[in-house]
Amino acid sequence: MQKYIILGHENPDVDSIVSGYIYQNYLNRRNIDAEFVIPDEKIDEDTLEICRRFHLEPTQFQKPLEYDDKTKFILVDHHNRKNIGEVALIIDHHEDEHEPDTDNCINEPSSSTSCLIVQRNEPFYSIHEIELACMAAMVDTASFHSTKGKEWDLDWIYQMVEEKNLDYNKLTCIGDNDNDYQNKTIIYFPPCC
């Protein structure tokens, strides 16, 4: 069976971690041998705190990158990593001038790579994975205050909040390391429903 290793970019951020995690789960549910690996020794404390607030533990994916010549790679939230084997697929939302080294590339305008992975494929993802994708888009776009935010992604988040009964306030929270979302600072965001 073909083995795939999913890699986010170096010094992974929330979107890179969420994208790797949810895509690994999707492939495993389809009986494809895929493993998300974070070879970085350190992950930013803010990134860890945000992921943990949404019940995702990034350190479980940290390990040395070990592979053989039969292993293929899937890159999420970036175009390339040096010194790895064959890249089978790239999923990225960064529009830049770099031409990827493979024909198998999904690089579309989006607020986050996790949105690209989940949107239009919602039946294949759990509610928790959809919540993570919504959260990653919020983080990657500073709650849609940055120019990276796409209106259609905001509309999709509103739709997912309604359909999946997600906690909208939790998605827009920033603040301390506790789980008391009511006491965190909420970034102003237009009401969704």
Protein backbone atom coordinates (compact mmCIF):
# COMPACT_ATOMS: atom_id res chain seq x y z
CA MET A 1 0.00 0.00 0.00
CA GLN A 2 1.23 3.49 -0.87
CA LYS A 3 2.27 5.55 2.16
CA TYR A 4 1.72 9.32 2.23
CA ILE A 5 3.17 11.84 4.66
CA ILE A 6 1.32 15.13 5.01
CA LEU A 7 3.50 18.14 5.79
CA GLY A 8 2.54 21.69 6.62
CA HIS A 9 5.01 24.52 6.35
CA GLU A 10 7.97 25.03 8.66
CA ASN A 11 7.10 26.78 11.93
CA PRO A 12 3.50 25.64 11.50
CA ASP A 13 0.63 27.98 12.24
CA VAL A 14 -2.95 27.05 13.13
CA ASP A 15 -4.11 26.64 9.51
CA SER A 16 -1.14 24.45 8.64
CA ILE A 17 -1.80 22.17 11.62
CA VAL A 18 -5.57 22.02 11.13
CA SER A 19 -5.17 21.33 7.40
CA GLY A 20 -2.75 18.47 8.01
CA TYR A 21 -4.90 16.95 10.73
CA ILE A 22 -8.23 17.06 8.89
CA TYR A 23 -6.75 15.88 5.59
CA GLN A 24 -5.03 12.95 7.33
CA ASN A 25 -8.37 11.96 8.85
CA TYR A 26 -10.15 12.25 5.51
CA LEU A 27 -7.60 10.04 3.74
CA ASN A 28 -7.53 7.46 6.55
CA ARG A 29 -11.34 7.19 6.41
CA ARG A 30 -10.91 6.36 2.71
CA ASN A 31 -8.42 3.60 3.62
CA ILE A 32 -5.45 5.60 2.32
CA ASP A 33 -2.33 5.26 4.47
CA ALA A 34 -1.57 8.88 5.32
CA GLU A 35 0.15 10.40 8.33
CA PHE A 36 0.40 14.06 9.27
CA VAL A 37 3.86 14.82 10.63
CA ILE A 38 5.24 17.99 12.20
CA PRO A 39 9.03 17.59 12.08
CA ASP A 40 9.60 20.94 13.79
CA GLU A 41 10.95 20.62 17.33
CA LYS A 42 9.10 23.72 18.56
CA ILE A 43 5.60 25.00 17.93
CA ASP A 44 4.66 28.58 18.83
CA GLU A 45 2.91 28.81 22.23
CA ASP A 46 0.00 30.88 20.84
CA THR A 47 -0.56 28.29 18.13
CA LEU A 48 -0.57 25.50 20.71
CA GLU A 49 -3.01 27.37 22.94
CA ILE A 50 -5.47 28.07 20.12
CA CYS A 51 -5.39 24.48 18.87
CA ARG A 52 -5.80 23.09 22.38
CA ARG A 53 -8.79 25.36 22.99
CA PHE A 54 -10.44 23.43 20.15
CA HIS A 55 -9.34 20.00 21.42
CA LEU A 56 -6.51 19.52 18.95
CA GLU A 57 -3.11 18.63 20.40
CA PRO A 58 -0.42 19.51 17.83
CA THR A 59 2.40 17.83 19.77
CA GLN A 60 0.92 14.41 18.97
CA PHE A 61 2.10 14.93 15.38
CA GLN A 62 5.63 16.05 16.24
CA LYS A 63 8.24 13.48 15.31
CA PRO A 64 11.34 13.17 13.18
CA LEU A 65 10.64 12.90 9.48
CA GLU A 66 11.39 9.30 8.50
CA TYR A 67 10.56 7.91 5.09
CA ASP A 68 11.81 5.67 2.30
CA ASP A 69 11.92 6.11 -1.46
CA LYS A 70 8.39 4.72 -1.82
CA THR A 71 6.86 7.39 0.41
CA LYS A 72 5.01 10.24 -1.29
CA PHE A 73 4.31 13.62 0.24
CA ILE A 74 1.26 15.84 0.41
CA LEU A 75 1.99 19.49 1.19
CA VAL A 76 -0.69 21.59 2.86
CA ASP A 77 -0.65 25.38 3.33
CA HIS A 78 2.54 25.82 1.28
CA HIS A 79 4.16 24.92 -2.07
CA ASN A 80 7.42 23.22 -1.20
CA ARG A 81 9.68 21.73 1.40
CA LYS A 82 13.31 21.04 0.69
CA ASN A 83 15.00 17.66 0.87
CA ILE A 84 11.98 15.39 0.70
CA GLY A 85 10.86 12.78 -1.80
CA GLU A 86 8.16 12.88 -4.44
CA VAL A 87 5.34 15.37 -3.89
CA ALA A 88 2.04 13.77 -4.91
CA LEU A 89 -0.29 16.68 -4.06
CA ILE A 90 -0.18 20.30 -2.96
CA ILE A 91 -3.14 22.05 -1.34
CA ASP A 92 -2.51 25.74 -0.71
CA HIS A 93 -4.33 29.06 -0.58
CA HIS A 94 -1.33 31.36 -1.01
CA GLU A 95 -1.46 32.98 -4.40
CA ASP A 96 2.10 33.75 -5.37
CA GLU A 97 4.38 33.49 -8.36
CA HIS A 98 6.07 30.25 -7.36
CA GLU A 99 5.28 27.42 -9.73
CA PRO A 100 4.83 24.15 -7.83
CA ASP A 101 6.87 21.12 -8.85
CA THR A 102 3.81 18.96 -9.53
CA ASP A 103 0.75 19.02 -11.75
CA ASN A 104 -1.32 17.85 -8.79
CA CYS A 105 -1.81 21.23 -7.16
CA ILE A 106 -4.89 22.87 -5.69
CA ASN A 107 -4.04 26.54 -5.23
CA GLU A 108 -7.19 28.61 -5.11
CA PRO A 109 -8.00 31.94 -3.49
CA SER A 110 -9.28 31.15 -0.03
CA SER A 111 -9.09 32.47 3.50
CA SER A 112 -7.31 29.31 4.63
CA THR A 113 -6.12 25.97 3.31
CA SER A 114 -8.44 24.21 5.72
CA CYS A 115 -11.40 25.96 4.03
CA LEU A 116 -10.20 24.67 0.67
CA ILE A 117 -10.05 21.14 2.04
CA VAL A 118 -13.47 21.08 3.71
CA GLN A 119 -15.71 23.34 1.59
CA ARG A 120 -17.98 21.49 -0.81
CA ASN A 121 -16.92 18.25 0.90
CA GLU A 122 -18.64 18.75 4.26
CA PRO A 123 -20.29 15.27 4.35
CA PHE A 124 -16.81 13.72 4.50
CA TYR A 125 -15.83 15.65 7.64
CA SER A 126 -16.96 15.49 11.26
CA ILE A 127 -18.53 18.48 12.98
CA HIS A 128 -15.33 18.89 14.99
CA GLU A 129 -13.24 19.00 11.79
CA ILE A 130 -15.60 21.56 10.26
CA GLU A 131 -15.36 23.64 13.43
CA LEU A 132 -11.55 23.47 13.21
CA ALA A 133 -11.63 24.62 9.58
CA CYS A 134 -13.87 27.56 10.49
CA MET A 135 -11.59 28.48 13.39
CA ALA A 136 -8.44 28.24 11.22
CA ALA A 137 -9.98 30.65 8.71
CA MET A 138 -10.77 33.08 11.53
CA VAL A 139 -7.21 32.90 12.85
CA ASP A 140 -5.55 33.12 9.43
CA THR A 141 -7.53 36.24 8.51
CA ALA A 142 -7.60 37.97 11.93
CA SER A 143 -11.34 37.32 12.02
CA PHE A 144 -11.70 38.56 8.45
CA HIS A 145 -10.08 41.90 9.18
CA SER A 146 -7.11 41.14 6.92
CA THR A 147 -7.08 41.34 3.14
CA LYS A 148 -6.65 37.54 3.04
CA GLY A 149 -10.28 37.08 4.11
CA LYS A 150 -12.65 36.08 1.32
CA GLU A 151 -16.32 36.97 1.54
CA TRP A 152 -17.43 33.51 0.38
CA ASP A 153 -15.50 31.91 3.23
CA LEU A 154 -17.22 34.18 5.74
CA ASP A 155 -20.58 33.20 4.22
CA TRP A 156 -19.57 29.53 4.52
CA ILE A 157 -18.67 29.98 8.20
CA TYR A 158 -22.06 31.58 8.85
CA GLN A 159 -23.70 28.63 7.09
CA MET A 160 -21.71 26.08 9.12
CA VAL A 161 -22.53 27.87 12.39
CA GLU A 162 -26.21 27.57 11.52
CA GLU A 163 -26.20 24.03 10.06
CA LYS A 164 -23.78 22.39 12.51
CA ASN A 165 -24.83 24.40 15.57
CA LEU A 166 -21.29 25.70 16.14
CA ASP A 167 -20.53 28.17 18.93
CA TYR A 168 -19.95 31.38 17.01
CA ASN A 169 -18.54 33.22 20.03
CA LYS A 170 -15.98 30.47 20.56
CA LEU A 171 -14.86 30.80 16.92
CA THR A 172 -14.20 34.52 17.37
CA CYS A 173 -12.51 34.31 20.80
CA ILE A 174 -8.99 35.32 21.63
CA GLY A 175 -7.46 35.66 25.05
CA ASP A 176 -6.14 33.83 28.07
CA ASN A 177 -5.25 30.17 28.41
CA ASP A 178 -8.40 29.17 30.24
CA ASN A 179 -11.54 27.62 28.77
CA ASP A 180 -13.90 30.32 30.01
CA TYR A 181 -14.93 31.72 26.64
CA GLN A 182 -17.33 34.21 28.20
CA ASN A 183 -14.42 36.09 29.82
CA LYS A 184 -12.20 36.25 26.75
CA THR A 185 -11.86 39.26 24.50
CA ILE A 186 -14.16 38.96 21.51
CA ILE A 187 -13.07 40.54 18.26
CA TYR A 188 -15.96 42.48 16.71
CA PHE A 189 -17.49 40.40 13.97
CA PRO A 190 -20.84 40.95 12.25
CA PRO A 191 -23.63 38.82 13.70
CA CYS A 192 -24.23 35.70 11.70
CA CYS A 193 -27.79 34.71 12.37
